Structure formats: C-alpha cells, structure tokens
Amino acid sequence: MDTPTPLQGLKVVELGTLIAGPYCARLLAEFGAEVIKVETPGEGDPLRKWRKLHDGNSLWWYAQARNKKSVAVNLKAPEGQQIVRELVAKADIVVENFRPGTLEKWNLGYEALAKDNPGLIMVRLSGFGQTGPYKDQPGFGAIGESMGGMRYITGYPDRAPVRVGISIGDSLAAMFGVIGALTALHHRGTSGKGQVVDVALYEAVFAMMESMLPEYGYDASVRERTGASLPGIVPSNTYKCGDGKFVVIGANADSIFKRMMKSIGRADLADDPTLADNAGRVKRTEELDRAIGEWTATVTLEEALAVLAKAEVPSGRIYSIADIAADLHFQARGMIERHKLGDRDLLLPGVVPKLSATPGRTQWIGPKLGEHTDAVLRSLGYPDEKITKLREGGII
C-alpha cells in the first residue's frame, strides 16, 4: 500500500513489557511510526506466553506487537545499555513502563538520555506515577482500576465488586500516553524541547469517573454499584427478553422516552407530565424499569429490537466475540482483519480511529524475538563481527 501514514518518520523506542507500554507503542506503530521494541534475549516480553499460543508466541502478541521491530538486548549489561543509548539518540519518543527508578538504575533515565537528545520525549507509564508516596510500589492494571474508583462502582450492590473482563486500566493509561506523546511533539515543534509524559494507571482510570468527585465534594454523596443500570439517567438498563436473551436500551432523552413508551403500549407513561424530563423519571426508576421489563419478557430479542428500531430508540444486543466476528457492520468498517499465521488464519482488530487521508494499517504481525536485531544494529553502524561478539557474549 502506498497510502501515506500520518506518523511516518517518527522513531519510537519501546522499553516496556506486557500491556500498558506496549499498547501505547502499538497505537503509534499502527499509524506509521517506526517502533523498535527492546526485549530480553532468550526470554522476550512475557506477553509472548500469555493465553493461547501458536508457534511459541501468544495470539495476543501478534496483535500487540504488530508493525514493531524486535531487537533483543540485555538492558542490565553496560554494552546493552550503550546500544539503547545509541538507539534513543536518533529517536523521537521512548515508551517505558518499568517501576520508577529502574531505568535510572540502568543509566537510562530521562536526564541521561536527553543529554544526547534534548528533544527526546519519554512516555513513562507506571502504577502510581513517578512521584508521590506510592511511586515505588508495584502496580498493575487491577490495582489502578481499584484505586481509581472503577472497581467500586462495577457490579451489583449485593455482591463483591467485579472487574471488567479486560485489562482496561492498562489500556486507558496507554491511550493517555499517546495523547501525551503527541501533545509533547506539538510543543517540541515550537520550542525544540522534549519532556517527560508521566502517566499513572490509577489516574488514567480516575480520569474516567465522570461526575463522581464533583458530586462527592458537593454533598458527600458516594456513587455505589448499580448493576446494569446507569445511575441518575433513566431509563438506561439491560432487560431480559422472553427467549432468555438480553437487550440494552438507552431511552433517557426526553423525546426518545416518549417514543419508546408508546411503542411498547404504555402511552400512559409517555404522556405523564411528571416523566417529561430525566429528573422526574429518576424518582420513578424502579417503576419504569419494571414496566419495560414486563414488556421485554413478552417478546424475543429480535422482536424487541425490531420494535425499538422502528421507534428510533437506541438499543442493541450484547455481543460475544463470535457475534463481533460475524457482524456485517464490523466487517464493512474494516474492523475484522484477516492475516496468515502459518497454515491458519489470524484475525486482528482493525485500527482505530479511521483517518480519511492517512489511515493506519497493519504492515506485519508481531515479530519473532530479536527478528530485527541485526538489521537495526547495522543501521547504527555496527559491523557484522561486532554483532557476532555481542551475540556470543549474551548481550543480544
């Protein structure tokens, strides 16, 4: 494909493992940045071994490391640290998600690297950030989701808090990392100076908590778990249909509420002046949910969706991954990519967002460990005999 990519020419060095750092770098790679991922020789990123494997690598790896170049370098060895310094000297961005202080221990902290590259931008993702009393504590996404407020409000009030079934805290932090990196790039364009982008997982989650803090500060109210409903916004819930399947309905806009209630045979509620706005509906949440639930119990999911679609009420089924892979809209939008993995097909999620002139794309799937080591070192001027000695010494 000869379509230009928006981040073409941008050089990124990834010094991360698992999810937050690698996902941040992946998003940059999807839009054309050259991402050199530094991995430990013989081991690689632990994500390579997570969940289902093919040919020694996880299927997750093939998505998470797409468009990246893998360079195997021992960061604990002085010779390996020198290689990284040479890579970073020509880079625009470094992405790392080690515990704070780890890179400094290896002489690879921002101050050391910026001496040779004052325009360098370093995205640092960690559980608690680079400062503060908790900075030295280990923190994975699950901890950030809990501390940031998400776990407390997820689930039902009569049960223990539950997690979202994906590593949402890591992914949110990664996206804030990309936002920070691109913002810093814009600033560098006018100032010539680089900087550190400090992303804490718990803060990335906390930033998503909508009105929770203002409401608490106003009258000490604490939002609690409410199951499938959206508190204070009515009706917005999940309802069981007569065939045992579930329909999600968001009819919380005033005009939509009226259309919906008339479509399900409850004109009395549609025309009730006390339900004309959200404030009035909130006071009668249980009554409205009960009325809608009584209707959905009499129809199948498909019948419910047909009625609601005719009334132009936002609604939908709850998709499994099988539903997603088969859905025509996902396919039409290019969100189900098909690649070859040996003699099998590999499905990867499409690139988000869609750019009209310079779209992102998958150029290759996640590489083998150290697949690009020799080529990258040659580009730095290393002769083959030196590369051989580094390999024999366990440096690469």
Protein backbone atom coordinates (compact mmCIF):
# COMPACT_ATOMS: atom_id res chain seq x y z
CA MET A 1 0.00 0.00 0.00
CA ASP A 2 1.39 3.43 -0.93
CA THR A 3 -1.06 5.46 1.17
CA PRO A 4 0.98 7.77 3.39
CA THR A 5 0.86 7.18 7.13
CA PRO A 6 0.48 10.16 9.48
CA LEU A 7 3.36 9.25 11.80
CA GLN A 8 5.77 8.22 9.06
CA GLY A 9 9.32 9.27 10.02
CA LEU A 10 8.59 9.21 13.75
CA LYS A 11 11.04 6.97 15.62
CA VAL A 12 9.98 5.26 18.83
CA VAL A 13 11.97 3.03 21.18
CA GLU A 14 9.82 0.78 23.35
CA LEU A 15 11.30 -0.36 26.65
CA GLY A 16 8.13 -1.88 28.05
CA THR A 17 6.58 -5.27 28.70
CA LEU A 18 3.09 -6.74 28.94
CA ILE A 19 0.29 -4.25 28.37
CA ALA A 20 0.40 -0.51 29.09
CA GLY A 21 3.73 0.44 27.48
CA PRO A 22 3.47 -1.98 24.55
CA TYR A 23 -0.12 -0.94 23.79
CA CYS A 24 0.92 2.72 23.79
CA ALA A 25 3.71 1.95 21.30
CA ARG A 26 1.39 -0.27 19.26
CA LEU A 27 -1.02 2.62 18.71
CA LEU A 28 1.86 4.74 17.41
CA ALA A 29 3.06 1.88 15.19
CA GLU A 30 -0.40 1.43 13.69
CA PHE A 31 -0.19 4.94 12.29
CA GLY A 32 3.25 4.55 10.77
CA ALA A 33 5.78 5.29 13.50
CA GLU A 34 8.91 3.13 13.38
CA VAL A 35 8.75 1.31 16.71
CA ILE A 36 11.82 -0.60 17.87
CA LYS A 37 10.83 -2.88 20.72
CA VAL A 38 13.72 -3.83 23.01
CA GLU A 39 13.29 -7.30 24.57
CA THR A 40 15.36 -9.50 26.84
CA PRO A 41 17.43 -12.06 24.84
CA GLY A 42 16.12 -15.61 25.14
CA GLU A 43 13.00 -14.52 27.01
CA GLY A 44 11.29 -11.61 25.34
CA ASP A 45 8.18 -9.85 26.52
CA PRO A 46 6.23 -12.10 28.92
CA LEU A 47 3.13 -11.33 26.85
CA ARG A 48 4.55 -13.73 24.27
CA LYS A 49 3.49 -16.58 26.60
CA TRP A 50 0.12 -15.29 27.81
CA ARG A 51 -3.10 -17.15 26.93
CA LYS A 52 -3.36 -19.16 23.69
CA LEU A 53 -0.09 -19.86 21.85
CA HIS A 54 0.89 -20.52 18.26
CA ASP A 55 4.46 -21.47 17.39
CA GLY A 56 5.66 -20.39 20.84
CA ASN A 57 4.02 -16.96 20.79
CA SER A 58 0.64 -15.90 22.12
CA LEU A 59 -2.06 -14.87 19.69
CA TRP A 60 -2.28 -11.67 21.73
CA TRP A 61 1.37 -10.99 20.89
CA TYR A 62 0.70 -10.98 17.15
CA ALA A 63 -1.76 -8.12 17.69
CA GLN A 64 0.08 -6.20 20.42
CA ALA A 65 3.40 -6.16 18.55
CA ARG A 66 2.15 -5.58 15.03
CA ASN A 67 4.25 -3.21 12.95
CA LYS A 68 7.07 -3.30 15.55
CA LYS A 69 10.68 -4.31 15.10
CA SER A 70 12.00 -6.69 17.77
CA VAL A 71 15.55 -6.12 19.00
CA ALA A 72 16.91 -8.42 21.70
CA VAL A 73 19.22 -6.51 24.07
CA ASN A 74 20.30 -7.20 27.66
CA LEU A 75 19.47 -3.95 29.45
CA LYS A 76 21.36 -5.00 32.58
CA ALA A 77 24.69 -5.16 30.74
CA PRO A 78 26.69 -1.97 30.04
CA GLU A 79 27.10 -2.98 26.37
CA GLY A 80 23.32 -3.41 26.08
CA GLN A 81 22.70 -0.05 27.71
CA GLN A 82 25.06 1.54 25.19
CA ILE A 83 23.05 0.07 22.33
CA VAL A 84 19.87 1.56 23.78
CA ARG A 85 21.54 4.96 24.18
CA GLU A 86 22.54 4.88 20.53
CA LEU A 87 19.00 3.95 19.50
CA VAL A 88 17.47 6.67 21.65
CA ALA A 89 19.91 9.30 20.36
CA LYS A 90 18.12 9.04 17.00
CA ALA A 91 14.60 8.59 18.40
CA ASP A 92 11.72 10.98 18.96
CA ILE A 93 9.94 9.05 21.70
CA VAL A 94 10.81 6.45 24.32
CA VAL A 95 7.95 4.45 25.85
CA GLU A 96 8.66 2.62 29.11
CA ASN A 97 6.60 1.03 31.87
CA PHE A 98 9.14 -0.22 34.39
CA ARG A 99 8.78 0.56 38.09
CA PRO A 100 10.01 4.14 38.72
CA GLY A 101 13.77 4.23 39.24
CA THR A 102 14.51 1.10 37.19
CA LEU A 103 15.77 2.95 34.11
CA GLU A 104 17.84 5.25 36.29
CA LYS A 105 19.48 2.18 37.83
CA TRP A 106 20.48 1.12 34.31
CA ASN A 107 21.76 4.64 33.44
CA LEU A 108 18.85 5.04 31.03
CA GLY A 109 16.77 7.64 32.86
CA TYR A 110 15.43 10.70 31.07
CA GLU A 111 18.17 13.07 32.20
CA ALA A 112 20.88 10.71 30.96
CA LEU A 113 19.21 10.06 27.60
CA ALA A 114 18.23 13.69 26.98
CA LYS A 115 21.87 14.80 27.18
CA ASP A 116 22.43 13.39 23.71
CA ASN A 117 18.88 14.13 22.54
CA PRO A 118 17.38 17.26 24.15
CA GLY A 119 14.25 16.95 22.02
CA LEU A 120 13.50 13.48 23.40
CA ILE A 121 10.02 12.73 24.67
CA MET A 122 9.75 9.92 27.23
CA VAL A 123 6.39 8.37 28.00
CA ARG A 124 6.57 6.79 31.45
CA LEU A 125 3.68 4.55 32.43
CA SER A 126 3.52 3.15 35.95
CA GLY A 127 1.05 2.13 38.60
CA PHE A 128 1.25 5.28 40.69
CA GLY A 129 3.33 7.77 38.71
CA GLN A 130 6.91 8.98 39.02
CA THR A 131 6.31 11.00 42.20
CA GLY A 132 4.31 10.72 45.41
CA PRO A 133 4.39 8.37 48.42
CA TYR A 134 3.24 5.31 46.45
CA LYS A 135 5.59 5.66 43.49
CA ASP A 136 7.85 2.75 44.47
CA GLN A 137 5.02 0.27 44.99
CA PRO A 138 4.35 -2.29 42.25
CA GLY A 139 1.07 -1.57 40.49
CA PHE A 140 -0.69 -3.49 37.75
CA GLY A 141 -3.89 -2.50 35.97
CA ALA A 142 -6.09 -4.29 38.50
CA ILE A 143 -4.67 -2.12 41.28
CA GLY A 144 -5.11 1.04 39.24
CA GLU A 145 -8.72 0.13 38.44
CA SER A 146 -9.39 -0.40 42.14
CA MET A 147 -7.64 2.74 43.37
CA GLY A 148 -9.03 4.88 40.55
CA GLY A 149 -12.64 4.17 41.52
CA MET A 150 -13.73 1.83 38.73
CA ARG A 151 -13.93 -1.41 40.70
CA TYR A 152 -16.02 0.17 43.47
CA ILE A 153 -18.89 1.00 41.11
CA THR A 154 -18.70 -2.14 38.93
CA GLY A 155 -21.13 -4.95 39.70
CA TYR A 156 -24.27 -5.32 41.80
CA PRO A 157 -24.83 -3.73 45.23
CA ASP A 158 -25.40 -7.06 46.99
CA ARG A 159 -22.18 -8.64 45.69
CA ALA A 160 -18.44 -8.01 45.79
CA PRO A 161 -17.04 -5.52 43.24
CA VAL A 162 -16.08 -7.16 39.95
CA ARG A 163 -13.56 -6.42 37.25
CA VAL A 164 -14.16 -5.60 33.63
CA GLY A 165 -13.09 -8.70 31.70
CA ILE A 166 -10.12 -6.98 30.03
CA SER A 167 -7.10 -5.01 31.26
CA ILE A 168 -8.94 -1.73 30.87
CA GLY A 169 -6.72 0.22 33.28
CA ASP A 170 -3.57 -0.57 31.30
CA SER A 171 -5.24 0.31 28.01
CA LEU A 172 -6.60 3.62 29.30
CA ALA A 173 -3.13 4.54 30.55
CA ALA A 174 -1.68 3.61 27.16
CA MET A 175 -4.10 5.92 25.35
CA PHE A 176 -3.31 8.78 27.69
CA GLY A 177 0.34 8.02 26.95
CA VAL A 178 -0.28 8.50 23.24
CA ILE A 179 -2.19 11.73 23.87
CA GLY A 180 0.68 12.98 25.99
CA ALA A 181 3.31 11.97 23.44
CA LEU A 182 1.57 13.72 20.56
CA THR A 183 0.92 16.80 22.69
CA ALA A 184 4.60 16.90 23.64
CA LEU A 185 5.56 16.51 19.99
CA HIS A 186 3.47 19.56 19.11
CA HIS A 187 5.17 21.54 21.88
CA ARG A 188 8.59 20.39 20.67
CA GLY A 189 7.72 21.68 17.22
CA THR A 190 7.58 25.22 18.58
CA SER A 191 10.12 25.02 21.41
CA GLY A 192 12.57 22.37 20.26
CA LYS A 193 12.47 20.87 23.73
CA GLY A 194 11.44 17.40 24.80
CA GLN A 195 9.85 16.39 28.09
CA VAL A 196 8.56 13.53 30.22
CA VAL A 197 4.96 12.31 29.92
CA ASP A 198 4.11 10.82 33.33
CA VAL A 199 1.06 8.52 33.22
CA ALA A 200 -0.16 6.71 36.32
CA LEU A 201 -2.57 3.83 35.78
CA TYR A 202 -4.79 4.83 38.69
CA GLU A 203 -5.02 8.40 37.34
CA ALA A 204 -5.96 7.19 33.87
CA VAL A 205 -8.86 5.29 35.44
CA PHE A 206 -9.77 8.14 37.79
CA ALA A 207 -10.00 10.49 34.81
CA MET A 208 -12.91 8.36 33.52
CA MET A 209 -15.01 8.66 36.65
CA GLU A 210 -17.33 11.33 35.23
CA SER A 211 -19.24 13.23 37.95
CA MET A 212 -18.22 11.13 40.93
CA LEU A 213 -15.80 13.62 42.51
CA PRO A 214 -17.89 16.78 41.99
CA GLU A 215 -20.91 15.00 43.47
CA TYR A 216 -18.91 13.85 46.48
CA GLY A 217 -17.45 17.30 47.02
CA TYR A 218 -20.90 18.89 46.78
CA ASP A 219 -22.77 16.89 49.42
CA ALA A 220 -20.57 13.88 50.32
CA SER A 221 -22.63 11.53 48.15
CA VAL A 222 -20.83 8.31 47.16
CA ARG A 223 -21.83 6.56 43.96
CA GLU A 224 -22.47 2.87 44.60
CA ARG A 225 -22.74 -0.22 42.41
CA THR A 226 -25.98 -0.34 40.42
CA GLY A 227 -25.55 -3.42 38.24
CA ALA A 228 -26.52 -2.90 34.61
CA SER A 229 -28.28 0.44 35.08
CA LEU A 230 -26.75 3.88 34.71
CA PRO A 231 -27.44 5.76 37.95
CA GLY A 232 -29.33 9.02 37.66
CA ILE A 233 -30.04 8.57 33.93
CA VAL A 234 -33.40 6.89 33.25
CA PRO A 235 -34.24 4.65 31.52
CA SER A 236 -30.87 3.16 30.66
CA ASN A 237 -30.57 -0.51 31.54
CA THR A 238 -30.38 -4.12 30.37
CA TYR A 239 -33.60 -6.11 30.18
CA LYS A 240 -34.31 -9.82 29.82
CA CYS A 241 -36.41 -10.91 26.85
CA GLY A 242 -38.82 -13.80 26.65
CA ASP A 243 -36.26 -16.03 24.92
CA GLY A 244 -33.74 -15.58 27.74
CA LYS A 245 -31.56 -13.13 25.82
CA PHE A 246 -30.85 -9.56 26.90
CA VAL A 247 -31.49 -6.21 25.24
CA VAL A 248 -29.69 -2.99 26.16
CA ILE A 249 -31.89 0.10 25.97
CA GLY A 250 -30.88 3.73 26.31
CA ALA A 251 -34.07 5.81 26.18
CA ASN A 252 -33.02 8.55 28.57
CA ALA A 253 -33.56 11.51 26.22
CA ASP A 254 -36.98 13.08 26.73
CA SER A 255 -38.31 12.63 23.18
CA ILE A 256 -36.88 9.11 22.89
CA PHE A 257 -38.56 8.12 26.15
CA LYS A 258 -41.93 9.22 24.82
CA ARG A 259 -41.50 7.29 21.55
CA MET A 260 -40.38 4.18 23.34
CA MET A 261 -43.17 4.03 25.88
CA LYS A 262 -45.77 4.50 23.17
CA SER A 263 -44.13 1.76 21.06
CA ILE A 264 -44.41 -0.75 23.92
CA GLY A 265 -48.02 0.11 24.67
CA ARG A 266 -47.50 2.41 27.64
CA ALA A 267 -48.85 5.70 26.35
CA ASP A 268 -49.92 6.45 29.91
CA LEU A 269 -46.30 6.74 30.92
CA ALA A 270 -45.28 8.50 27.73
CA ASP A 271 -47.84 11.26 28.34
CA ASP A 272 -47.34 11.55 32.10
CA PRO A 273 -46.11 15.13 32.69
CA THR A 274 -44.13 14.06 35.76
CA LEU A 275 -41.99 11.86 33.49
CA ALA A 276 -41.33 14.52 30.88
CA ASP A 277 -37.74 15.05 31.99
CA ASN A 278 -34.94 12.97 33.46
CA ALA A 279 -35.32 14.43 36.96
CA GLY A 280 -38.89 13.18 37.14
CA ARG A 281 -38.00 9.78 35.71
CA VAL A 282 -35.18 9.27 38.21
CA LYS A 283 -37.72 9.45 41.03
CA ARG A 284 -39.63 6.56 39.45
CA THR A 285 -36.69 4.48 38.24
CA GLU A 286 -37.92 1.16 39.62
CA GLU A 287 -41.40 1.64 38.19
CA LEU A 288 -40.09 2.43 34.71
CA ASP A 289 -37.59 -0.44 34.71
CA ARG A 290 -40.37 -2.77 35.81
CA ALA A 291 -42.69 -1.57 33.02
CA ILE A 292 -40.02 -2.02 30.37
CA GLY A 293 -39.00 -5.40 31.78
CA GLU A 294 -42.59 -6.61 31.74
CA TRP A 295 -42.76 -5.78 28.03
CA THR A 296 -39.43 -7.34 27.05
CA ALA A 297 -40.45 -10.53 28.87
CA THR A 298 -43.28 -10.95 26.33
CA VAL A 299 -41.10 -10.72 23.19
CA THR A 300 -37.95 -12.28 21.81
CA LEU A 301 -34.76 -10.28 21.49
CA GLU A 302 -35.25 -9.94 17.74
CA GLU A 303 -38.84 -8.77 18.20
CA ALA A 304 -37.77 -6.24 20.82
CA LEU A 305 -35.03 -4.85 18.57
CA ALA A 306 -37.46 -4.54 15.66
CA VAL A 307 -39.97 -2.55 17.73
CA LEU A 308 -37.31 -0.32 19.19
CA ALA A 309 -35.64 0.28 15.82
CA LYS A 310 -38.97 1.35 14.32
CA ALA A 311 -39.39 3.83 17.19
CA GLU A 312 -35.78 5.02 16.73
CA VAL A 313 -34.79 4.05 20.26
CA PRO A 314 -31.07 3.31 20.84
CA SER A 315 -30.91 -0.38 21.62
CA GLY A 316 -28.82 -3.44 20.90
CA ARG A 317 -27.88 -6.97 21.70
CA ILE A 318 -24.92 -7.90 23.89
CA TYR A 319 -22.23 -9.19 21.54
CA SER A 320 -19.93 -12.13 22.17
CA ILE A 321 -16.69 -12.24 20.20
CA ALA A 322 -18.39 -14.72 17.85
CA ASP A 323 -21.11 -12.13 17.22
CA ILE A 324 -18.49 -9.46 16.58
CA ALA A 325 -16.54 -11.57 14.07
CA ALA A 326 -19.72 -12.35 12.12
CA ASP A 327 -21.23 -8.87 12.19
CA LEU A 328 -21.57 -7.17 8.82
CA HIS A 329 -21.02 -3.68 10.23
CA PHE A 330 -17.72 -4.67 11.86
CA GLN A 331 -16.66 -6.18 8.54
CA ALA A 332 -17.78 -3.21 6.45
CA ARG A 333 -15.78 -0.86 8.68
CA GLY A 334 -12.61 -2.93 8.31
CA MET A 335 -12.59 -3.91 11.98
CA ILE A 336 -12.01 -7.62 11.33
CA GLU A 337 -8.62 -8.01 9.64
CA ARG A 338 -7.60 -11.42 8.29
CA HIS A 339 -3.90 -12.36 8.18
CA LYS A 340 -1.96 -15.60 7.67
CA LEU A 341 -0.35 -17.34 10.62
CA GLY A 342 1.35 -20.43 9.26
CA ASP A 343 -1.45 -22.54 7.82
CA ARG A 344 -4.08 -20.79 9.94
CA ASP A 345 -5.99 -17.55 9.62
CA LEU A 346 -5.26 -14.88 12.21
CA LEU A 347 -7.98 -12.35 12.95
CA LEU A 348 -6.80 -8.97 14.26
CA PRO A 349 -8.88 -5.97 15.28
CA GLY A 350 -8.82 -3.11 12.80
CA VAL A 351 -7.07 0.18 13.53
CA VAL A 352 -8.93 2.93 15.40
CA PRO A 353 -9.62 5.76 14.66
CA LYS A 354 -10.34 6.00 10.93
CA LEU A 355 -8.44 8.78 9.18
CA SER A 356 -9.76 9.77 5.76
CA ALA A 357 -6.44 10.76 4.15
CA THR A 358 -3.78 8.91 6.16
CA PRO A 359 -5.33 5.80 7.72
CA GLY A 360 -3.40 3.49 9.98
CA ARG A 361 -2.82 -0.12 8.94
CA THR A 362 -1.24 -3.42 9.85
CA GLN A 363 2.01 -3.78 7.92
CA TRP A 364 3.09 -7.01 9.64
CA ILE A 365 2.03 -9.04 12.64
CA GLY A 366 4.08 -9.35 15.84
CA PRO A 367 7.66 -10.40 15.01
CA LYS A 368 9.83 -13.22 16.28
CA LEU A 369 12.07 -12.43 19.24
CA GLY A 370 15.09 -10.48 18.01
CA GLU A 371 13.94 -10.70 14.39
CA HIS A 372 15.27 -7.22 13.60
CA THR A 373 18.31 -7.10 15.89
CA ASP A 374 20.98 -7.45 13.21
CA ALA A 375 19.32 -5.03 10.79
CA VAL A 376 18.84 -2.37 13.47
CA LEU A 377 22.42 -2.69 14.74
CA ARG A 378 23.77 -2.44 11.19
CA SER A 379 21.75 0.76 10.78
CA LEU A 380 23.63 2.10 13.81
CA GLY A 381 26.94 1.27 12.10
CA TYR A 382 27.78 -1.97 13.89
CA PRO A 383 29.93 -4.29 11.71
CA ASP A 384 28.95 -7.95 11.49
CA GLU A 385 31.95 -9.11 13.52
CA LYS A 386 30.91 -6.89 16.45
CA ILE A 387 27.31 -8.13 16.21
CA THR A 388 28.63 -11.69 16.39
CA LYS A 389 30.67 -10.92 19.50
CA LEU A 390 27.68 -9.26 21.18
CA ARG A 391 25.59 -12.34 20.48
CA GLU A 392 28.27 -14.67 21.78
CA GLY A 393 28.51 -12.58 24.93
CA GLY A 394 24.77 -12.76 25.59
CA ILE A 395 24.31 -9.03 25.08
CA ILE A 396 21.89 -9.51 22.17
